[in-house]
Amino acid sequence: MTRPSVFAAFSFFILLAPARGQNAGLTLDQIVQKHTAALGGADKLKAIQTVVITGGASLRDGQIGMPITIRIKRPALMRMDMHLQERTFVESFDGTTGWVINSFSGSNTPQKMSQEDAASALDNTDLFEGSLVDYKAKGSSLDLLGKEPVDDKSAYKLKITKKSGAVEFLYLDVGSFLPIKTSGKRKQLGQEMDYESAPSNYKAVNGVMIPFTIRQKINGRDAMELNITQVDVNVPIDDSIFRMPEQPHDAH
């Protein structure tokens, strides 16, 4: 089972922005400022300490559907759970260590992520603000590559080079400043793959716009569609659920 990176895909929390036509000739700094303001402002974003997302994941063009729960907690803790009958897929990161349980591969034993997968998880801990807000403080660099059509919309194309060296391309709608596509390359299980996420169906939750539909592609093929049914913010989450379970030692 190929692991879609929901964490990377769910890095979009946006408010409504100025109308189309007011954005001609914007500089990179102005785009980032408008984007940050569109998020609701630093105070609103920092007020969100935890998020619990529930919904359904559809794979293989709808042939497989399963419930999904994503838990996120500052500063860099996250966990995703998917279930299908008696099988379970868990991906978690406790801020330092990443681990996976994938009973679809025939084992319920937690497995530690590779260094590459853990680095990718760490790169994608900007789940509240996204990659642009405070990008300099995060050690990232940013380039504006102009405008590019995405489906039937015109979008600013931004290149984000993260502290780890990973590169991500973010496309912002020129009118709403909502992200409409993210793309890049990621290593998983030792193999490099192209990924693409397309968020849509934005709804307001506690003053922040969240995409309730996210479509993902891996190597140009449809991988998963996430449809969110509920988002709860600032609910208590125990740190222990993010840690890799200890395995019992065999008695001799």
Protein backbone atom coordinates (compact mmCIF):
# COMPACT_ATOMS: atom_id res chain seq x y z
CA MET A 1 0.00 0.00 0.00
CA THR A 2 1.55 3.30 -1.09
CA ARG A 3 1.54 5.86 1.68
CA PRO A 4 -0.07 9.14 0.64
CA SER A 5 1.34 12.00 2.66
CA VAL A 6 -1.78 13.43 4.13
CA PHE A 7 0.33 15.57 6.45
CA ALA A 8 2.02 17.21 3.57
CA ALA A 9 -1.36 17.56 1.74
CA PHE A 10 -3.14 19.16 4.80
CA SER A 11 -0.89 22.18 5.18
CA PHE A 12 -3.61 24.67 4.17
CA PHE A 13 -5.66 26.81 6.60
CA ILE A 14 -6.88 29.96 4.83
CA LEU A 15 -9.38 32.85 5.17
CA LEU A 16 -11.03 34.80 2.39
CA ALA A 17 -8.85 37.43 0.72
CA PRO A 18 -9.25 40.60 -1.41
CA ALA A 19 -11.12 40.49 -4.67
CA ARG A 20 -9.54 39.66 -8.02
CA GLY A 21 -8.13 42.66 -9.83
CA GLN A 22 -6.42 44.23 -6.82
CA ASN A 23 -3.38 41.99 -7.11
CA ALA A 24 -1.65 43.10 -10.30
CA GLY A 25 2.10 43.49 -10.01
CA LEU A 26 2.44 42.25 -6.46
CA THR A 27 5.93 41.61 -5.15
CA LEU A 28 6.90 38.42 -3.37
CA ASP A 29 6.77 40.14 0.01
CA GLN A 30 3.32 41.53 -0.74
CA ILE A 31 2.03 38.11 -1.74
CA VAL A 32 3.35 36.60 1.49
CA GLN A 33 1.83 39.45 3.51
CA LYS A 34 -1.56 39.05 1.86
CA HIS A 35 -1.36 35.30 2.28
CA THR A 36 -0.50 35.67 5.97
CA ALA A 37 -3.37 38.11 6.46
CA ALA A 38 -5.67 35.72 4.61
CA LEU A 39 -4.81 33.03 7.13
CA GLY A 40 -6.51 35.18 9.76
CA GLY A 41 -3.38 36.71 11.25
CA ALA A 42 -0.68 35.35 13.50
CA ASP A 43 -2.75 35.68 16.67
CA LYS A 44 -5.61 33.52 15.37
CA LEU A 45 -3.24 30.90 14.06
CA LYS A 46 -1.19 30.72 17.24
CA ALA A 47 -4.40 30.34 19.24
CA ILE A 48 -4.91 26.96 17.56
CA GLN A 49 -2.92 24.44 19.59
CA THR A 50 -4.54 21.18 18.51
CA VAL A 51 -6.67 19.93 15.62
CA VAL A 52 -8.59 16.67 15.26
CA ILE A 53 -9.76 15.93 11.71
CA THR A 54 -12.20 13.14 10.87
CA GLY A 55 -13.45 12.02 7.50
CA GLY A 56 -13.08 9.42 4.81
CA ALA A 57 -10.29 8.45 2.44
CA SER A 58 -11.06 7.11 -1.00
CA LEU A 59 -8.38 5.13 -2.88
CA ARG A 60 -8.12 3.43 -6.28
CA ASP A 61 -10.75 5.65 -7.92
CA GLY A 62 -13.25 4.99 -5.15
CA GLN A 63 -12.81 1.22 -5.10
CA ILE A 64 -11.57 1.42 -1.51
CA GLY A 65 -13.01 3.68 1.17
CA MET A 66 -11.96 3.90 4.78
CA PRO A 67 -12.46 6.23 7.76
CA ILE A 68 -9.53 8.46 8.62
CA THR A 69 -8.57 10.47 11.69
CA ILE A 70 -5.74 13.01 11.79
CA ARG A 71 -4.52 14.51 15.06
CA ILE A 72 -2.18 17.50 15.10
CA LYS A 73 -0.60 19.18 18.10
CA ARG A 74 1.94 21.95 18.40
CA PRO A 75 4.82 22.23 18.02
CA ALA A 76 5.34 19.25 15.69
CA LEU A 77 3.24 16.25 16.69
CA MET A 78 0.90 14.49 14.30
CA ARG A 79 -0.77 11.17 13.77
CA MET A 80 -2.95 9.68 11.04
CA ASP A 81 -5.10 6.56 11.46
CA MET A 82 -6.94 4.71 8.67
CA HIS A 83 -8.93 1.49 9.08
CA LEU A 84 -10.40 -1.04 6.67
CA GLN A 85 -12.19 -3.97 8.28
CA GLU A 86 -9.56 -5.58 10.53
CA ARG A 87 -6.61 -3.82 8.92
CA THR A 88 -5.03 -0.61 10.16
CA PHE A 89 -2.62 1.97 8.84
CA VAL A 90 -1.02 4.41 11.30
CA GLU A 91 1.56 7.09 10.52
CA SER A 92 2.84 9.21 13.40
CA PHE A 93 5.57 11.70 14.28
CA ASP A 94 6.34 12.73 17.87
CA GLY A 95 8.52 15.71 16.97
CA THR A 96 11.67 13.60 16.72
CA THR A 97 10.80 10.05 15.72
CA GLY A 98 8.43 8.89 13.01
CA TRP A 99 6.84 5.45 12.94
CA VAL A 100 4.31 3.43 10.98
CA ILE A 101 1.95 0.50 11.54
CA ASN A 102 0.83 -1.03 8.25
CA SER A 103 -1.23 -4.17 8.69
CA PHE A 104 -2.01 -4.00 4.95
CA SER A 105 1.51 -5.35 4.49
CA GLY A 106 0.77 -8.22 6.87
CA SER A 107 2.23 -6.91 10.14
CA ASN A 108 0.80 -5.03 13.12
CA THR A 109 4.26 -4.32 14.51
CA PRO A 110 5.23 -0.64 14.69
CA GLN A 111 8.14 0.18 12.39
CA LYS A 112 10.41 3.17 12.79
CA MET A 113 10.50 5.48 9.78
CA SER A 114 13.67 5.77 7.78
CA GLN A 115 15.70 8.94 8.23
CA GLU A 116 14.42 10.18 4.86
CA ASP A 117 10.77 9.60 5.78
CA ALA A 118 11.26 11.20 9.21
CA ALA A 119 12.94 14.22 7.61
CA SER A 120 9.98 14.51 5.26
CA ALA A 121 7.58 14.37 8.21
CA LEU A 122 9.56 17.08 10.00
CA ASP A 123 9.47 19.23 6.86
CA ASN A 124 5.69 19.02 6.87
CA THR A 125 4.98 20.10 10.43
CA ASP A 126 3.75 23.52 9.25
CA LEU A 127 0.22 22.23 9.44
CA PHE A 128 -1.31 25.29 11.04
CA GLU A 129 0.22 28.13 9.04
CA GLY A 130 1.43 26.36 5.91
CA SER A 131 4.88 26.81 4.44
CA LEU A 132 4.79 30.56 3.75
CA VAL A 133 4.07 32.13 7.14
CA ASP A 134 7.32 32.95 8.95
CA TYR A 135 9.20 31.03 6.26
CA LYS A 136 12.46 32.84 7.03
CA ALA A 137 12.28 31.90 10.72
CA LYS A 138 11.73 28.30 9.64
CA GLY A 139 14.94 28.38 7.62
CA SER A 140 13.20 28.27 4.25
CA SER A 141 13.86 30.39 1.17
CA LEU A 142 11.20 31.53 -1.27
CA ASP A 143 11.10 32.43 -4.96
CA LEU A 144 8.24 33.83 -7.03
CA LEU A 145 8.18 32.09 -10.41
CA GLY A 146 5.38 34.18 -11.90
CA LYS A 147 1.85 33.12 -12.75
CA GLU A 148 0.70 29.81 -14.17
CA PRO A 149 -2.72 28.39 -15.04
CA VAL A 150 -4.04 25.63 -12.79
CA ASP A 151 -7.14 24.10 -14.33
CA ASP A 152 -9.33 27.13 -15.05
CA LYS A 153 -7.62 29.48 -12.58
CA SER A 154 -4.60 31.75 -12.68
CA ALA A 155 -2.17 31.13 -9.82
CA TYR A 156 1.01 32.55 -8.36
CA LYS A 157 3.67 29.86 -8.52
CA LEU A 158 6.01 29.91 -5.52
CA LYS A 159 9.10 27.78 -5.01
CA ILE A 160 9.80 26.95 -1.36
CA THR A 161 13.21 25.52 -0.47
CA LYS A 162 13.02 24.17 3.05
CA LYS A 163 15.77 23.98 5.64
CA SER A 164 16.36 20.31 4.81
CA GLY A 165 16.84 21.15 1.14
CA ALA A 166 13.46 19.74 0.09
CA VAL A 167 11.73 21.78 -2.61
CA GLU A 168 7.99 22.37 -2.80
CA PHE A 169 5.95 24.30 -5.35
CA LEU A 170 2.88 26.10 -4.04
CA TYR A 171 0.20 27.58 -6.30
CA LEU A 172 -1.96 30.37 -4.85
CA ASP A 173 -5.14 31.52 -6.58
CA VAL A 174 -4.47 35.12 -7.67
CA GLY A 175 -7.88 36.28 -6.46
CA SER A 176 -8.44 34.46 -3.18
CA PHE A 177 -4.85 33.57 -2.19
CA LEU A 178 -6.14 30.08 -1.42
CA PRO A 179 -3.71 27.28 -2.25
CA ILE A 180 -5.08 25.28 -5.17
CA LYS A 181 -2.11 22.96 -5.74
CA THR A 182 1.10 21.80 -4.10
CA SER A 183 3.69 19.65 -5.83
CA GLY A 184 7.21 18.34 -5.37
CA LYS A 185 9.31 15.24 -4.93
CA ARG A 186 9.59 13.03 -1.88
CA LYS A 187 11.58 9.92 -1.00
CA GLN A 188 9.61 7.04 0.44
CA LEU A 189 10.96 3.57 1.16
CA GLY A 190 14.13 4.58 -0.66
CA GLN A 191 12.33 5.60 -3.84
CA GLU A 192 11.81 9.13 -5.12
CA MET A 193 8.28 9.97 -6.21
CA ASP A 194 6.41 12.97 -7.53
CA TYR A 195 3.47 14.12 -5.42
CA GLU A 196 0.68 16.59 -6.05
CA SER A 197 -2.12 17.77 -3.77
CA ALA A 198 -5.17 19.81 -4.78
CA PRO A 199 -7.18 21.30 -1.89
CA SER A 200 -10.72 22.59 -2.45
CA ASN A 201 -14.16 22.92 -0.82
CA TYR A 202 -12.96 25.41 1.80
CA LYS A 203 -15.10 25.97 4.88
CA ALA A 204 -14.65 28.21 7.92
CA VAL A 205 -13.71 26.59 11.23
CA ASN A 206 -13.08 28.95 14.13
CA GLY A 207 -12.45 31.80 11.70
CA VAL A 208 -9.98 29.80 9.61
CA MET A 209 -10.78 28.40 6.16
CA ILE A 210 -9.95 24.71 5.83
CA PRO A 211 -10.12 22.59 2.65
CA PHE A 212 -12.63 19.83 3.23
CA THR A 213 -11.60 18.02 0.05
CA ILE A 214 -8.01 17.13 -0.90
CA ARG A 215 -7.10 15.12 -3.98
CA GLN A 216 -3.64 13.60 -4.18
CA LYS A 217 -1.59 12.18 -7.02
CA ILE A 218 1.57 10.08 -6.82
CA ASN A 219 3.74 9.87 -9.94
CA GLY A 220 0.94 11.40 -11.98
CA ARG A 221 -1.69 8.88 -10.89
CA ASP A 222 -4.65 9.46 -8.62
CA ALA A 223 -3.69 8.15 -5.17
CA MET A 224 -6.28 9.33 -2.67
CA GLU A 225 -9.16 11.70 -2.13
CA LEU A 226 -9.70 12.93 1.41
CA ASN A 227 -13.18 14.18 2.31
CA ILE A 228 -13.35 15.77 5.74
CA THR A 229 -16.57 15.65 7.74
CA GLN A 230 -15.50 17.34 10.99
CA VAL A 231 -12.70 19.50 12.36
CA ASP A 232 -12.31 20.11 16.11
CA VAL A 233 -9.77 22.61 17.42
CA ASN A 234 -8.12 22.98 20.82
CA VAL A 235 -9.35 19.65 22.15
CA PRO A 236 -7.09 17.86 24.65
CA ILE A 237 -4.69 15.37 23.04
CA ASP A 238 -2.28 13.32 25.15
CA ASP A 239 1.28 13.37 23.83
CA SER A 240 1.57 9.62 24.37
CA ILE A 241 -0.54 8.77 21.32
CA PHE A 242 2.18 10.22 19.06
CA ARG A 243 4.96 8.06 20.51
CA MET A 244 5.99 4.76 19.03
CA PRO A 245 4.58 1.89 21.15
CA GLU A 246 7.16 -0.19 22.96
CA GLN A 247 7.34 -3.79 21.90
CA PRO A 248 7.14 -6.49 24.60
CA HIS A 249 10.33 -8.49 25.04
CA ASP A 250 10.13 -12.24 24.69
CA ALA A 251 10.41 -13.99 28.00
CA HIS A 252 13.08 -16.68 28.30
